[in-house]
Amino acid sequence: MKAQARFKSVLWMLLVVFALSPAAVPAQQANVPAQQANVPTQQANASRGLDEQVQEIKSDVLSIAAELSQLEEKLLYPSGTQVSMFVALAKGDTMRLDAVRLQIDGQLVAHYIYSAKELEALRKGGVQRVYVGNVTTGDHKLEVLIDGKLDSGTDVSRTEHFAFRKDVKPKLVGLTLAGSDSGNKPIVLGEW
């Protein structure tokens, strides 16, 4: 929803800037007779100049949108209360991860269902930020539930409970997941 609102705002800014730009409506165009031979050349030059201006405006709008996104994250998740949760698969693990659900202090904070492309990225060593939010300083309880399938076709559903402490600085929590047939612990909590 926020992305749609941001997109609409950026679109309106582009339209306003385009409409107000001096190249959008050349003042001399109404006074130039249509019989002049250089009219097509002037129009081509004006069109090229307009295209360059539009591209410049687009790049400016995109950089402003990136800055706004960073400011929004700083305002919504101040560093004193910010906690980020990351998910990775254990190296060499072949479990097909279907979904991850996270609860902090009994409240559902993230529920993610993985696509085939995302699973492939995790298998290649990728890490996914599955949650960013605010928690108070102090001790908290984390419940992690994973659903997946082993190579043998057996369904896997595992729940683990962890405790973590949030200090004044931002907290980065990593969850390494593995299938039960890999010999690794199914869910390992680590601080990054």
Protein backbone atom coordinates (compact mmCIF):
# COMPACT_ATOMS: atom_id res chain seq x y z
CA MET A 1 0.00 0.00 0.00
CA LYS A 2 2.84 2.41 0.85
CA ALA A 3 4.56 1.58 -2.42
CA GLN A 4 1.41 2.43 -4.39
CA ALA A 5 1.05 5.76 -2.61
CA ARG A 6 4.74 6.55 -3.16
CA PHE A 7 4.41 5.61 -6.85
CA LYS A 8 1.38 7.90 -7.26
CA SER A 9 3.27 10.77 -5.60
CA VAL A 10 6.28 10.30 -7.86
CA LEU A 11 4.02 10.07 -10.91
CA TRP A 12 2.27 13.33 -9.98
CA MET A 13 5.62 15.03 -9.44
CA LEU A 14 6.74 13.91 -12.90
CA LEU A 15 3.54 15.20 -14.50
CA VAL A 16 3.80 18.57 -12.75
CA VAL A 17 7.45 19.01 -13.65
CA PHE A 18 6.77 17.98 -17.25
CA ALA A 19 3.81 20.33 -17.57
CA LEU A 20 5.72 23.28 -16.10
CA SER A 21 8.94 22.76 -18.06
CA PRO A 22 9.62 25.51 -20.62
CA ALA A 23 10.28 22.96 -23.37
CA ALA A 24 6.82 21.44 -22.97
CA VAL A 25 5.12 24.37 -24.74
CA PRO A 26 7.54 26.46 -26.82
CA ALA A 27 6.34 30.07 -26.87
CA GLN A 28 7.60 30.69 -30.41
CA GLN A 29 5.78 27.72 -31.91
CA ALA A 30 2.51 29.64 -32.28
CA ASN A 31 4.26 32.53 -34.11
CA VAL A 32 6.23 30.43 -36.61
CA PRO A 33 4.53 30.03 -39.99
CA ALA A 34 4.06 26.45 -41.12
CA GLN A 35 5.72 27.18 -44.49
CA GLN A 36 9.24 27.64 -43.09
CA ALA A 37 11.58 24.89 -44.21
CA ASN A 38 13.37 24.53 -40.88
CA VAL A 39 10.26 23.70 -38.85
CA PRO A 40 10.86 19.89 -38.88
CA THR A 41 14.47 20.44 -37.79
CA GLN A 42 13.44 22.71 -34.95
CA GLN A 43 10.79 20.24 -33.84
CA ALA A 44 13.31 17.39 -33.89
CA ASN A 45 15.77 19.42 -31.80
CA ALA A 46 13.04 20.44 -29.36
CA SER A 47 11.87 16.84 -29.11
CA ARG A 48 15.43 15.61 -28.45
CA GLY A 49 15.91 18.31 -25.82
CA LEU A 50 12.61 17.39 -24.22
CA ASP A 51 13.57 13.70 -24.09
CA GLU A 52 16.83 14.61 -22.36
CA GLN A 53 15.00 16.76 -19.83
CA VAL A 54 12.48 13.99 -19.12
CA GLN A 55 15.31 11.47 -18.57
CA GLU A 56 17.07 13.88 -16.21
CA ILE A 57 13.84 14.44 -14.28
CA LYS A 58 13.24 10.69 -14.06
CA SER A 59 16.69 10.09 -12.59
CA ASP A 60 16.17 12.93 -10.10
CA VAL A 61 12.81 11.50 -9.03
CA LEU A 62 14.30 8.02 -8.60
CA SER A 63 17.13 9.33 -6.42
CA ILE A 64 14.64 11.33 -4.33
CA ALA A 65 12.48 8.21 -3.93
CA ALA A 66 15.53 6.22 -2.72
CA GLU A 67 16.38 8.93 -0.19
CA LEU A 68 12.76 9.04 1.02
CA SER A 69 12.78 5.27 1.46
CA GLN A 70 15.91 5.48 3.62
CA LEU A 71 14.43 8.30 5.70
CA GLU A 72 11.18 6.37 6.11
CA GLU A 73 13.08 3.34 7.43
CA LYS A 74 15.03 5.51 9.89
CA LEU A 75 11.80 7.08 11.16
CA LEU A 76 9.80 3.86 11.37
CA TYR A 77 12.58 1.76 12.87
CA PRO A 78 14.82 3.94 15.07
CA SER A 79 18.14 2.26 15.79
CA GLY A 80 17.43 2.13 19.52
CA THR A 81 14.47 -0.22 19.05
CA GLN A 82 15.23 -1.89 15.72
CA VAL A 83 15.48 -5.66 15.35
CA SER A 84 16.12 -7.44 12.05
CA MET A 85 15.65 -11.16 11.43
CA PHE A 86 17.47 -12.97 8.64
CA VAL A 87 16.99 -16.48 7.24
CA ALA A 88 19.64 -18.69 5.60
CA LEU A 89 19.87 -22.38 4.77
CA ALA A 90 22.68 -24.49 6.21
CA LYS A 91 25.47 -25.02 3.70
CA GLY A 92 24.80 -28.03 1.49
CA ASP A 93 21.30 -28.60 2.85
CA THR A 94 18.80 -29.95 0.32
CA MET A 95 15.56 -29.42 2.23
CA ARG A 96 12.85 -27.65 0.21
CA LEU A 97 11.87 -24.79 2.48
CA ASP A 98 8.21 -23.91 1.96
CA ALA A 99 7.45 -21.37 4.69
CA VAL A 100 8.83 -19.60 7.76
CA ARG A 101 6.76 -18.06 10.53
CA LEU A 102 8.20 -15.84 13.29
CA GLN A 103 6.57 -14.76 16.53
CA ILE A 104 8.13 -12.34 18.99
CA ASP A 105 6.63 -12.38 22.48
CA GLY A 106 3.61 -14.30 21.18
CA GLN A 107 2.82 -11.89 18.33
CA LEU A 108 3.13 -12.99 14.72
CA VAL A 109 5.64 -10.66 13.06
CA ALA A 110 6.46 -12.50 9.83
CA HIS A 111 5.03 -15.30 7.73
CA TYR A 112 6.80 -15.94 4.46
CA ILE A 113 6.13 -18.52 1.73
CA TYR A 114 9.08 -19.23 -0.57
CA SER A 115 9.05 -19.46 -4.34
CA ALA A 116 11.34 -21.82 -6.28
CA LYS A 117 13.65 -18.91 -7.25
CA GLU A 118 13.96 -17.70 -3.67
CA LEU A 119 14.70 -21.22 -2.46
CA GLU A 120 17.40 -21.58 -5.11
CA ALA A 121 18.97 -18.31 -3.98
CA LEU A 122 19.00 -19.51 -0.36
CA ARG A 123 20.61 -22.80 -1.44
CA LYS A 124 23.37 -20.85 -3.18
CA GLY A 125 24.22 -19.09 0.08
CA GLY A 126 21.78 -16.22 -0.06
CA VAL A 127 20.33 -14.57 3.03
CA GLN A 128 16.84 -13.10 3.27
CA ARG A 129 15.80 -10.31 5.61
CA VAL A 130 12.44 -11.66 6.67
CA TYR A 131 11.55 -9.06 9.33
CA VAL A 132 12.47 -5.57 10.46
CA GLY A 133 10.60 -4.04 13.36
CA ASN A 134 10.69 -2.36 16.73
CA VAL A 135 10.98 -4.04 20.10
CA THR A 136 11.74 -2.59 23.49
CA THR A 137 15.07 -3.14 25.15
CA GLY A 138 15.21 -6.20 27.36
CA ASP A 139 14.58 -9.94 27.06
CA HIS A 140 12.25 -11.33 24.40
CA LYS A 141 10.97 -14.74 23.29
CA LEU A 142 11.21 -15.82 19.65
CA GLU A 143 9.24 -18.70 18.17
CA VAL A 144 10.32 -19.99 14.77
CA LEU A 145 8.20 -22.41 12.75
CA ILE A 146 9.44 -23.87 9.47
CA ASP A 147 7.58 -26.00 6.94
CA GLY A 148 9.26 -27.88 4.12
CA LYS A 149 9.98 -31.21 2.45
CA LEU A 150 13.00 -33.49 2.59
CA ASP A 151 14.55 -35.11 -0.49
CA SER A 152 12.80 -38.33 0.48
CA GLY A 153 9.43 -36.58 0.15
CA THR A 154 8.78 -36.49 3.90
CA ASP A 155 7.05 -33.34 5.14
CA VAL A 156 8.94 -31.33 7.76
CA SER A 157 7.32 -29.03 10.27
CA ARG A 158 9.52 -27.86 13.09
CA THR A 159 9.03 -25.28 15.84
CA GLU A 160 11.81 -23.95 18.06
CA HIS A 161 11.72 -21.43 20.90
CA PHE A 162 14.57 -19.04 21.62
CA ALA A 163 15.27 -16.15 23.94
CA PHE A 164 17.18 -13.05 22.88
CA ARG A 165 18.13 -9.80 24.51
CA LYS A 166 17.61 -6.44 22.84
CA ASP A 167 20.08 -3.74 23.84
CA VAL A 168 19.99 -0.04 22.92
CA LYS A 169 21.78 -0.64 19.60
CA PRO A 170 20.14 -2.33 16.58
CA LYS A 171 19.80 -6.11 16.88
CA LEU A 172 20.58 -8.46 13.97
CA VAL A 173 19.38 -12.03 14.42
CA GLY A 174 20.25 -14.80 11.99
CA LEU A 175 18.32 -18.04 11.66
CA THR A 176 20.09 -20.92 9.93
CA LEU A 177 17.67 -23.63 8.84
CA ALA A 178 18.36 -27.27 7.91
CA GLY A 179 16.45 -30.46 7.20
CA SER A 180 16.49 -33.24 9.76
CA ASP A 181 18.31 -35.60 7.36
CA SER A 182 21.36 -33.31 7.02
CA GLY A 183 22.78 -34.02 10.46
CA ASN A 184 22.56 -30.29 11.37
CA LYS A 185 20.32 -28.84 14.05
CA PRO A 186 17.04 -27.85 12.29
CA ILE A 187 16.99 -24.23 13.47
CA VAL A 188 20.02 -22.37 14.81
CA LEU A 189 19.82 -18.84 16.21
CA GLY A 190 22.81 -16.59 15.79
CA GLU A 191 23.63 -12.93 16.22
CA TRP A 192 25.10 -11.15 13.22
